[in-house]
Amino acid sequence: MTSKVLIKLIDIGKAYHERGSDKWILKNITFDVKNEEITSIIGPSGCGKTTLLRIMANLETPSKGMLNIYAVASPKNDFLSMVFQDFALIPWLTVYENIEIALDHLDLTKKERAERISNYLEMVGMSGYEDAYISELSRGLKQKVGLARALSVEPTVLLMDEPFSTIDPLSAQALREELVKLWEDPDFPTDSIVLTSHNIEEAVFLSDRVIVLSEKPSTIKGIINIDLPRPRNPKGKAFNEYVDEIYSILVT
């Protein structure tokens, strides 16, 4: 299958005006987001990974450069959606209501909304939680709701901002494995996933390609293609060779 570019970033830079001068967070960021690919953006804490993802989501405007989006939307789906690190759920609403809000702008009947909500809750292993309030859920279950909500708009591109960093290690690994299963499901609606991480093993476990950022002002230090079949063995020799390669890029 020929790769198709869904998002193109060209010489992206981001600066904030502070105390009379521009403080650059990102500089000269250029890469493509392609279909049939999971891409991880990895780098030191505070290097601008979240800012870059928010630029891709059109939640922030770059100070320089160009963002071209070729992903396709329709009245019944979005071209992209985002899973937030802090869940961004409304605690006094139910699981069902939190997902339903995300569908308000789409041209769906009440029956179609209900079917989508049921389908994506089942897909992430949350069937039966429709009437639970967000405030009653564990952090791992909240992140599953966030994922179901993001998938419910059937995005061409799914953006995930350090989606597993705020939950316990066992839950995080279970969710990573669940994401891989979803990605390989033929009914999965999304053509491409881009996620940020500071966890090298996570990036190698999930990704087809890892983009390594420097300290801020961040530039791209390297792009590593991960040529390993799924499911991946974190204890395998080839897996750890990729981990070591990315680590070497980060620290040099």
C-alpha atoms as a PDB file:
ATOM      1  CA  MET A   1       0.000   0.000   0.000  1.00  0.00           C
ATOM      2  CA  THR A   2       1.346   3.421  -0.970  1.00  0.00           C
ATOM      3  CA  SER A   3       1.816   5.769   1.976  1.00  0.00           C
ATOM      4  CA  LYS A   4      -0.470   8.783   1.958  1.00  0.00           C
ATOM      5  CA  VAL A   5       0.457  12.026   3.703  1.00  0.00           C
ATOM      6  CA  LEU A   6      -2.329  13.117   6.072  1.00  0.00           C
ATOM      7  CA  ILE A   7      -0.589  16.019   7.840  1.00  0.00           C
ATOM      8  CA  LYS A   8       2.516  17.894   6.680  1.00  0.00           C
ATOM      9  CA  LEU A   9       4.535  20.088   9.040  1.00  0.00           C
ATOM     10  CA  ILE A  10       6.982  22.423   7.304  1.00  0.00           C
ATOM     11  CA  ASP A  11       9.559  24.385   9.306  1.00  0.00           C
ATOM     12  CA  ILE A  12       7.209  24.783  12.277  1.00  0.00           C
ATOM     13  CA  GLY A  13       8.341  27.122  15.046  1.00  0.00           C
ATOM     14  CA  LYS A  14       6.613  28.320  18.198  1.00  0.00           C
ATOM     15  CA  ALA A  15       7.590  31.233  20.427  1.00  0.00           C
ATOM     16  CA  TYR A  16       5.991  33.005  23.369  1.00  0.00           C
ATOM     17  CA  HIS A  17       6.600  36.670  24.017  1.00  0.00           C
ATOM     18  CA  GLU A  18       7.986  37.019  27.499  1.00  0.00           C
ATOM     19  CA  ARG A  19       9.618  40.015  29.219  1.00  0.00           C
ATOM     20  CA  GLY A  20      10.144  41.882  25.988  1.00  0.00           C
ATOM     21  CA  SER A  21      11.592  39.038  23.924  1.00  0.00           C
ATOM     22  CA  ASP A  22      10.518  35.896  22.108  1.00  0.00           C
ATOM     23  CA  LYS A  23      11.151  32.608  23.914  1.00  0.00           C
ATOM     24  CA  TRP A  24      11.296  29.846  21.312  1.00  0.00           C
ATOM     25  CA  ILE A  25       9.832  26.475  22.283  1.00  0.00           C
ATOM     26  CA  LEU A  26      10.038  24.775  18.876  1.00  0.00           C
ATOM     27  CA  LYS A  27      12.234  25.486  15.852  1.00  0.00           C
ATOM     28  CA  ASN A  28      12.441  24.077  12.336  1.00  0.00           C
ATOM     29  CA  ILE A  29      10.120  21.086  12.876  1.00  0.00           C
ATOM     30  CA  THR A  30       9.482  19.308   9.580  1.00  0.00           C
ATOM     31  CA  PHE A  31       7.908  15.869   9.111  1.00  0.00           C
ATOM     32  CA  ASP A  32       4.885  14.113   7.585  1.00  0.00           C
ATOM     33  CA  VAL A  33       2.125  12.137   9.283  1.00  0.00           C
ATOM     34  CA  LYS A  34       1.240   9.194   7.059  1.00  0.00           C
ATOM     35  CA  ASN A  35      -1.560   6.668   6.911  1.00  0.00           C
ATOM     36  CA  GLU A  36      -1.203   3.150   8.332  1.00  0.00           C
ATOM     37  CA  GLU A  37       1.394   4.418  10.810  1.00  0.00           C
ATOM     38  CA  ILE A  38       1.743   5.045  14.542  1.00  0.00           C
ATOM     39  CA  THR A  39       4.196   7.874  15.195  1.00  0.00           C
ATOM     40  CA  SER A  40       5.638   8.746  18.600  1.00  0.00           C
ATOM     41  CA  ILE A  41       7.135  12.134  19.427  1.00  0.00           C
ATOM     42  CA  ILE A  42       9.604  11.716  22.251  1.00  0.00           C
ATOM     43  CA  GLY A  43      11.872  14.119  24.086  1.00  0.00           C
ATOM     44  CA  PRO A  44      12.859  15.564  27.471  1.00  0.00           C
ATOM     45  CA  SER A  45      10.200  16.964  29.802  1.00  0.00           C
ATOM     46  CA  GLY A  46       9.328  20.524  28.863  1.00  0.00           C
ATOM     47  CA  CYS A  47      10.715  20.292  25.338  1.00  0.00           C
ATOM     48  CA  GLY A  48       7.427  21.249  23.667  1.00  0.00           C
ATOM     49  CA  LYS A  49       5.918  17.863  22.760  1.00  0.00           C
ATOM     50  CA  THR A  50       2.436  18.872  23.918  1.00  0.00           C
ATOM     51  CA  THR A  51       2.726  22.255  22.192  1.00  0.00           C
ATOM     52  CA  LEU A  52       3.619  20.501  18.936  1.00  0.00           C
ATOM     53  CA  LEU A  53       0.659  18.142  19.247  1.00  0.00           C
ATOM     54  CA  ARG A  54      -1.673  21.067  19.984  1.00  0.00           C
ATOM     55  CA  ILE A  55      -0.411  22.815  16.851  1.00  0.00           C
ATOM     56  CA  MET A  56      -1.241  19.691  14.855  1.00  0.00           C
ATOM     57  CA  ALA A  57      -4.717  19.710  16.438  1.00  0.00           C
ATOM     58  CA  ASN A  58      -5.212  23.385  15.507  1.00  0.00           C
ATOM     59  CA  LEU A  59      -5.502  24.247  19.200  1.00  0.00           C
ATOM     60  CA  GLU A  60      -2.432  26.497  18.929  1.00  0.00           C
ATOM     61  CA  THR A  61      -1.065  28.574  16.063  1.00  0.00           C
ATOM     62  CA  PRO A  62       2.589  28.217  15.032  1.00  0.00           C
ATOM     63  CA  SER A  63       4.735  31.359  15.140  1.00  0.00           C
ATOM     64  CA  LYS A  64       6.338  30.352  11.862  1.00  0.00           C
ATOM     65  CA  GLY A  65       6.147  27.606   9.287  1.00  0.00           C
ATOM     66  CA  MET A  66       3.215  25.849   7.667  1.00  0.00           C
ATOM     67  CA  LEU A  67       0.775  23.133   8.724  1.00  0.00           C
ATOM     68  CA  ASN A  68      -1.049  21.366   5.886  1.00  0.00           C
ATOM     69  CA  ILE A  69      -3.832  18.911   6.711  1.00  0.00           C
ATOM     70  CA  TYR A  70      -4.922  16.466   4.022  1.00  0.00           C
ATOM     71  CA  ALA A  71      -6.963  14.164   6.264  1.00  0.00           C
ATOM     72  CA  VAL A  72     -10.573  13.916   5.142  1.00  0.00           C
ATOM     73  CA  ALA A  73     -13.679  14.653   7.221  1.00  0.00           C
ATOM     74  CA  SER A  74     -17.363  14.187   6.426  1.00  0.00           C
ATOM     75  CA  PRO A  75     -20.657  15.182   8.090  1.00  0.00           C
ATOM     76  CA  LYS A  76     -20.422  11.946  10.079  1.00  0.00           C
ATOM     77  CA  ASN A  77     -16.758  11.994  11.126  1.00  0.00           C
ATOM     78  CA  ASP A  78     -13.881  14.346  12.055  1.00  0.00           C
ATOM     79  CA  PHE A  79     -10.494  14.538  10.365  1.00  0.00           C
ATOM     80  CA  LEU A  80      -8.799  14.339  13.769  1.00  0.00           C
ATOM     81  CA  SER A  81      -9.459  14.039  17.476  1.00  0.00           C
ATOM     82  CA  MET A  82      -7.301  14.147  20.585  1.00  0.00           C
ATOM     83  CA  VAL A  83      -6.852  12.151  23.782  1.00  0.00           C
ATOM     84  CA  PHE A  84      -5.630  14.479  26.532  1.00  0.00           C
ATOM     85  CA  GLN A  85      -3.121  13.663  29.254  1.00  0.00           C
ATOM     86  CA  ASP A  86      -5.475  14.969  31.971  1.00  0.00           C
ATOM     87  CA  PHE A  87      -8.550  13.159  30.484  1.00  0.00           C
ATOM     88  CA  ALA A  88     -10.561  16.418  29.927  1.00  0.00           C
ATOM     89  CA  LEU A  89     -13.768  14.673  31.018  1.00  0.00           C
ATOM     90  CA  ILE A  90     -16.725  16.287  32.815  1.00  0.00           C
ATOM     91  CA  PRO A  91     -16.900  14.593  36.233  1.00  0.00           C
ATOM     92  CA  TRP A  92     -20.577  15.291  36.982  1.00  0.00           C
ATOM     93  CA  LEU A  93     -21.721  13.689  33.714  1.00  0.00           C
ATOM     94  CA  THR A  94     -21.984   9.991  32.989  1.00  0.00           C
ATOM     95  CA  VAL A  95     -19.691   8.059  30.680  1.00  0.00           C
ATOM     96  CA  TYR A  96     -22.434   8.043  28.041  1.00  0.00           C
ATOM     97  CA  GLU A  97     -23.013  11.794  28.327  1.00  0.00           C
ATOM     98  CA  ASN A  98     -19.297  12.599  28.076  1.00  0.00           C
ATOM     99  CA  ILE A  99     -19.059  10.737  24.783  1.00  0.00           C
ATOM    100  CA  GLU A 100     -22.367  12.053  23.475  1.00  0.00           C
ATOM    101  CA  ILE A 101     -21.112  15.655  23.794  1.00  0.00           C
ATOM    102  CA  ALA A 102     -18.314  14.872  21.341  1.00  0.00           C
ATOM    103  CA  LEU A 103     -20.903  13.773  18.755  1.00  0.00           C
ATOM    104  CA  ASP A 104     -23.126  16.876  18.959  1.00  0.00           C
ATOM    105  CA  HIS A 105     -21.661  18.541  15.862  1.00  0.00           C
ATOM    106  CA  LEU A 106     -21.932  15.459  13.634  1.00  0.00           C
ATOM    107  CA  ASP A 107     -24.906  14.669  11.427  1.00  0.00           C
ATOM    108  CA  LEU A 108     -26.048  11.606  13.347  1.00  0.00           C
ATOM    109  CA  THR A 109     -29.495  10.437  14.380  1.00  0.00           C
ATOM    110  CA  LYS A 110     -30.154   9.616  18.038  1.00  0.00           C
ATOM    111  CA  LYS A 111     -29.992   5.916  17.140  1.00  0.00           C
ATOM    112  CA  GLU A 112     -26.667   6.346  15.320  1.00  0.00           C
ATOM    113  CA  ARG A 113     -25.224   8.186  18.332  1.00  0.00           C
ATOM    114  CA  ALA A 114     -26.302   5.421  20.689  1.00  0.00           C
ATOM    115  CA  GLU A 115     -24.829   2.756  18.392  1.00  0.00           C
ATOM    116  CA  ARG A 116     -21.506   4.592  18.170  1.00  0.00           C
ATOM    117  CA  ILE A 117     -21.247   5.106  21.897  1.00  0.00           C
ATOM    118  CA  SER A 118     -22.032   1.442  22.535  1.00  0.00           C
ATOM    119  CA  ASN A 119     -19.602   0.305  19.831  1.00  0.00           C
ATOM    120  CA  TYR A 120     -16.608   2.289  21.054  1.00  0.00           C
ATOM    121  CA  LEU A 121     -17.216   1.570  24.727  1.00  0.00           C
ATOM    122  CA  GLU A 122     -17.226  -2.118  23.805  1.00  0.00           C
ATOM    123  CA  MET A 123     -14.086  -1.620  21.716  1.00  0.00           C
ATOM    124  CA  VAL A 124     -12.141  -0.252  24.708  1.00  0.00           C
ATOM    125  CA  GLY A 125     -13.614  -2.772  27.162  1.00  0.00           C
ATOM    126  CA  MET A 126     -16.057  -0.388  28.876  1.00  0.00           C
ATOM    127  CA  SER A 127     -19.444  -1.965  28.072  1.00  0.00           C
ATOM    128  CA  GLY A 128     -21.739  -1.672  31.079  1.00  0.00           C
ATOM    129  CA  TYR A 129     -20.224   1.607  32.285  1.00  0.00           C
ATOM    130  CA  GLU A 130     -22.572   3.868  30.328  1.00  0.00           C
ATOM    131  CA  ASP A 131     -24.379   5.185  33.419  1.00  0.00           C
ATOM    132  CA  ALA A 132     -21.321   5.482  35.664  1.00  0.00           C
ATOM    133  CA  TYR A 133     -20.193   8.984  36.602  1.00  0.00           C
ATOM    134  CA  ILE A 134     -16.657   9.991  35.706  1.00  0.00           C
ATOM    135  CA  SER A 135     -15.969  10.855  39.344  1.00  0.00           C
ATOM    136  CA  GLU A 136     -16.559   7.189  40.244  1.00  0.00           C
ATOM    137  CA  LEU A 137     -13.916   5.804  37.871  1.00  0.00           C
ATOM    138  CA  SER A 138     -10.246   4.963  38.339  1.00  0.00           C
ATOM    139  CA  ARG A 139      -7.654   6.873  36.317  1.00  0.00           C
ATOM    140  CA  GLY A 140      -7.199   3.917  33.979  1.00  0.00           C
ATOM    141  CA  LEU A 141     -10.925   3.712  33.272  1.00  0.00           C
ATOM    142  CA  LYS A 142     -11.087   7.480  32.745  1.00  0.00           C
ATOM    143  CA  GLN A 143      -8.419   7.190  30.077  1.00  0.00           C
ATOM    144  CA  LYS A 144     -10.427   4.432  28.406  1.00  0.00           C
ATOM    145  CA  VAL A 145     -13.434   6.763  28.323  1.00  0.00           C
ATOM    146  CA  GLY A 146     -11.231   9.480  26.827  1.00  0.00           C
ATOM    147  CA  LEU A 147     -10.105   7.048  24.142  1.00  0.00           C
ATOM    148  CA  ALA A 148     -13.670   5.906  23.404  1.00  0.00           C
ATOM    149  CA  ARG A 149     -14.765   9.550  23.130  1.00  0.00           C
ATOM    150  CA  ALA A 150     -11.925  10.369  20.728  1.00  0.00           C
ATOM    151  CA  LEU A 151     -12.681   7.315  18.587  1.00  0.00           C
ATOM    152  CA  SER A 152     -16.434   7.961  18.536  1.00  0.00           C
ATOM    153  CA  VAL A 153     -15.998  10.789  16.005  1.00  0.00           C
ATOM    154  CA  GLU A 154     -14.198   8.221  13.799  1.00  0.00           C
ATOM    155  CA  PRO A 155     -11.173  10.440  13.142  1.00  0.00           C
ATOM    156  CA  THR A 156      -8.771   9.938  10.278  1.00  0.00           C
ATOM    157  CA  VAL A 157      -5.929  10.954  12.617  1.00  0.00           C
ATOM    158  CA  LEU A 158      -5.901  10.285  16.372  1.00  0.00           C
ATOM    159  CA  LEU A 159      -3.632  12.487  18.509  1.00  0.00           C
ATOM    160  CA  MET A 160      -2.680  11.285  22.015  1.00  0.00           C
ATOM    161  CA  ASP A 161      -0.849  13.489  24.504  1.00  0.00           C
ATOM    162  CA  GLU A 162       1.204  11.271  26.859  1.00  0.00           C
ATOM    163  CA  PRO A 163      -1.941   9.159  27.274  1.00  0.00           C
ATOM    164  CA  PHE A 164      -0.514   6.671  29.780  1.00  0.00           C
ATOM    165  CA  SER A 165       1.785   8.883  31.861  1.00  0.00           C
ATOM    166  CA  THR A 166      -0.632   9.655  34.698  1.00  0.00           C
ATOM    167  CA  ILE A 167      -1.814   6.111  35.440  1.00  0.00           C
ATOM    168  CA  ASP A 168      -0.093   3.280  37.280  1.00  0.00           C
ATOM    169  CA  PRO A 169       2.444   1.123  35.363  1.00  0.00           C
ATOM    170  CA  LEU A 170       0.293  -2.023  35.179  1.00  0.00           C
ATOM    171  CA  SER A 171      -2.749  -0.126  33.889  1.00  0.00           C
ATOM    172  CA  ALA A 172      -0.539   1.778  31.454  1.00  0.00           C
ATOM    173  CA  GLN A 173       0.894  -1.412  29.948  1.00  0.00           C
ATOM    174  CA  ALA A 174      -2.570  -2.962  29.717  1.00  0.00           C
ATOM    175  CA  LEU A 175      -3.798   0.104  27.818  1.00  0.00           C
ATOM    176  CA  ARG A 176      -0.789   0.034  25.481  1.00  0.00           C
ATOM    177  CA  GLU A 177      -1.556  -3.581  24.650  1.00  0.00           C
ATOM    178  CA  GLU A 178      -5.222  -2.684  24.164  1.00  0.00           C
ATOM    179  CA  LEU A 179      -4.264   0.129  21.780  1.00  0.00           C
ATOM    180  CA  VAL A 180      -2.175  -2.268  19.683  1.00  0.00           C
ATOM    181  CA  LYS A 181      -5.133  -4.676  19.465  1.00  0.00           C
ATOM    182  CA  LEU A 182      -7.424  -1.831  18.418  1.00  0.00           C
ATOM    183  CA  TRP A 183      -4.931  -0.671  15.791  1.00  0.00           C
ATOM    184  CA  GLU A 184      -4.865  -4.134  14.235  1.00  0.00           C
ATOM    185  CA  ASP A 185      -8.669  -4.468  14.305  1.00  0.00           C
ATOM    186  CA  PRO A 186     -10.025  -4.093  10.731  1.00  0.00           C
ATOM    187  CA  ASP A 187     -12.978  -2.115  12.125  1.00  0.00           C
ATOM    188  CA  PHE A 188     -10.696   0.477  13.745  1.00  0.00           C
ATOM    189  CA  PRO A 189     -11.759   3.816  12.183  1.00  0.00           C
ATOM    190  CA  THR A 190      -8.437   5.657  12.302  1.00  0.00           C
ATOM    191  CA  ASP A 191      -5.747   5.734   9.600  1.00  0.00           C
ATOM    192  CA  SER A 192      -2.931   7.215  11.692  1.00  0.00           C
ATOM    193  CA  ILE A 193      -2.014   7.764  15.350  1.00  0.00           C
ATOM    194  CA  VAL A 194       0.423  10.374  16.669  1.00  0.00           C
ATOM    195  CA  LEU A 195       1.310  10.300  20.347  1.00  0.00           C
ATOM    196  CA  THR A 196       3.741  12.111  22.616  1.00  0.00           C
ATOM    197  CA  SER A 197       5.779  10.295  25.236  1.00  0.00           C
ATOM    198  CA  HIS A 198       8.849  10.585  27.437  1.00  0.00           C
ATOM    199  CA  ASN A 199       8.982   6.794  27.783  1.00  0.00           C
ATOM    200  CA  ILE A 200      11.375   5.220  25.252  1.00  0.00           C
ATOM    201  CA  GLU A 201      10.132   1.661  25.808  1.00  0.00           C
ATOM    202  CA  GLU A 202       6.547   2.819  25.269  1.00  0.00           C
ATOM    203  CA  ALA A 203       7.495   4.516  22.008  1.00  0.00           C
ATOM    204  CA  VAL A 204       9.252   1.394  20.695  1.00  0.00           C
ATOM    205  CA  PHE A 205       6.410  -0.864  21.844  1.00  0.00           C
ATOM    206  CA  LEU A 206       3.741   1.153  20.036  1.00  0.00           C
ATOM    207  CA  SER A 207       5.307   2.937  17.107  1.00  0.00           C
ATOM    208  CA  ASP A 208       6.244   2.457  13.493  1.00  0.00           C
ATOM    209  CA  ARG A 209       8.302   5.646  13.682  1.00  0.00           C
ATOM    210  CA  VAL A 210       9.823   7.634  16.546  1.00  0.00           C
ATOM    211  CA  ILE A 211      10.621  11.347  16.202  1.00  0.00           C
ATOM    212  CA  VAL A 212      13.213  12.433  18.776  1.00  0.00           C
ATOM    213  CA  LEU A 213      13.216  16.062  19.922  1.00  0.00           C
ATOM    214  CA  SER A 214      16.022  17.984  21.587  1.00  0.00           C
ATOM    215  CA  GLU A 215      15.867  20.208  24.652  1.00  0.00           C
ATOM    216  CA  LYS A 216      14.064  23.479  23.969  1.00  0.00           C
ATOM    217  CA  PRO A 217      14.124  25.300  21.739  1.00  0.00           C
ATOM    218  CA  SER A 218      13.350  21.880  20.312  1.00  0.00           C
ATOM    219  CA  THR A 219      14.512  20.657  16.945  1.00  0.00           C
ATOM    220  CA  ILE A 220      14.358  17.140  15.511  1.00  0.00           C
ATOM    221  CA  LYS A 221      17.462  15.208  16.572  1.00  0.00           C
ATOM    222  CA  GLY A 222      16.525  12.016  14.771  1.00  0.00           C
ATOM    223  CA  ILE A 223      13.755   9.937  13.189  1.00  0.00           C
ATOM    224  CA  ILE A 224      13.882   6.179  13.820  1.00  0.00           C
ATOM    225  CA  ASN A 225      11.787   3.664  11.882  1.00  0.00           C
ATOM    226  CA  ILE A 226      10.819   0.695  14.069  1.00  0.00           C
ATOM    227  CA  ASP A 227      10.863  -2.431  11.925  1.00  0.00           C
ATOM    228  CA  LEU A 228       9.469  -5.007  14.353  1.00  0.00           C
ATOM    229  CA  PRO A 229       6.360  -7.199  14.019  1.00  0.00           C
ATOM    230  CA  ARG A 230       3.541  -6.847  16.530  1.00  0.00           C
ATOM    231  CA  PRO A 231       3.022  -7.893  19.260  1.00  0.00           C
ATOM    232  CA  ARG A 232       6.475  -6.781  20.416  1.00  0.00           C
ATOM    233  CA  ASN A 233       8.549  -8.335  23.158  1.00  0.00           C
ATOM    234  CA  PRO A 234      10.024  -5.639  25.440  1.00  0.00           C
ATOM    235  CA  LYS A 235      12.663  -8.140  26.572  1.00  0.00           C
ATOM    236  CA  GLY A 236      13.756  -9.024  23.039  1.00  0.00           C
ATOM    237  CA  LYS A 237      17.210  -8.164  21.698  1.00  0.00           C
ATOM    238  CA  ALA A 238      15.979  -6.192  18.675  1.00  0.00           C
ATOM    239  CA  PHE A 239      13.512  -4.261  20.834  1.00  0.00           C
ATOM    240  CA  ASN A 240      16.232  -3.170  23.235  1.00  0.00           C
ATOM    241  CA  GLU A 241      18.587  -2.240  20.408  1.00  0.00           C
ATOM    242  CA  TYR A 242      15.977   0.308  19.296  1.00  0.00           C
ATOM    243  CA  VAL A 243      15.634   1.531  22.902  1.00  0.00           C
ATOM    244  CA  ASP A 244      19.403   2.001  23.136  1.00  0.00           C
ATOM    245  CA  GLU A 245      19.532   3.810  19.784  1.00  0.00           C
ATOM    246  CA  ILE A 246      16.852   6.299  20.803  1.00  0.00           C
ATOM    247  CA  TYR A 247      18.434   6.807  24.218  1.00  0.00           C
ATOM    248  CA  SER A 248      21.776   7.563  22.565  1.00  0.00           C
ATOM    249  CA  ILE A 249      20.146  10.210  20.381  1.00  0.00           C
ATOM    250  CA  LEU A 250      18.436  11.789  23.373  1.00  0.00           C
ATOM    251  CA  VAL A 251      21.570  12.121  25.501  1.00  0.00           C
ATOM    252  CA  THR A 252      24.021  13.279  22.819  1.00  0.00           C
END
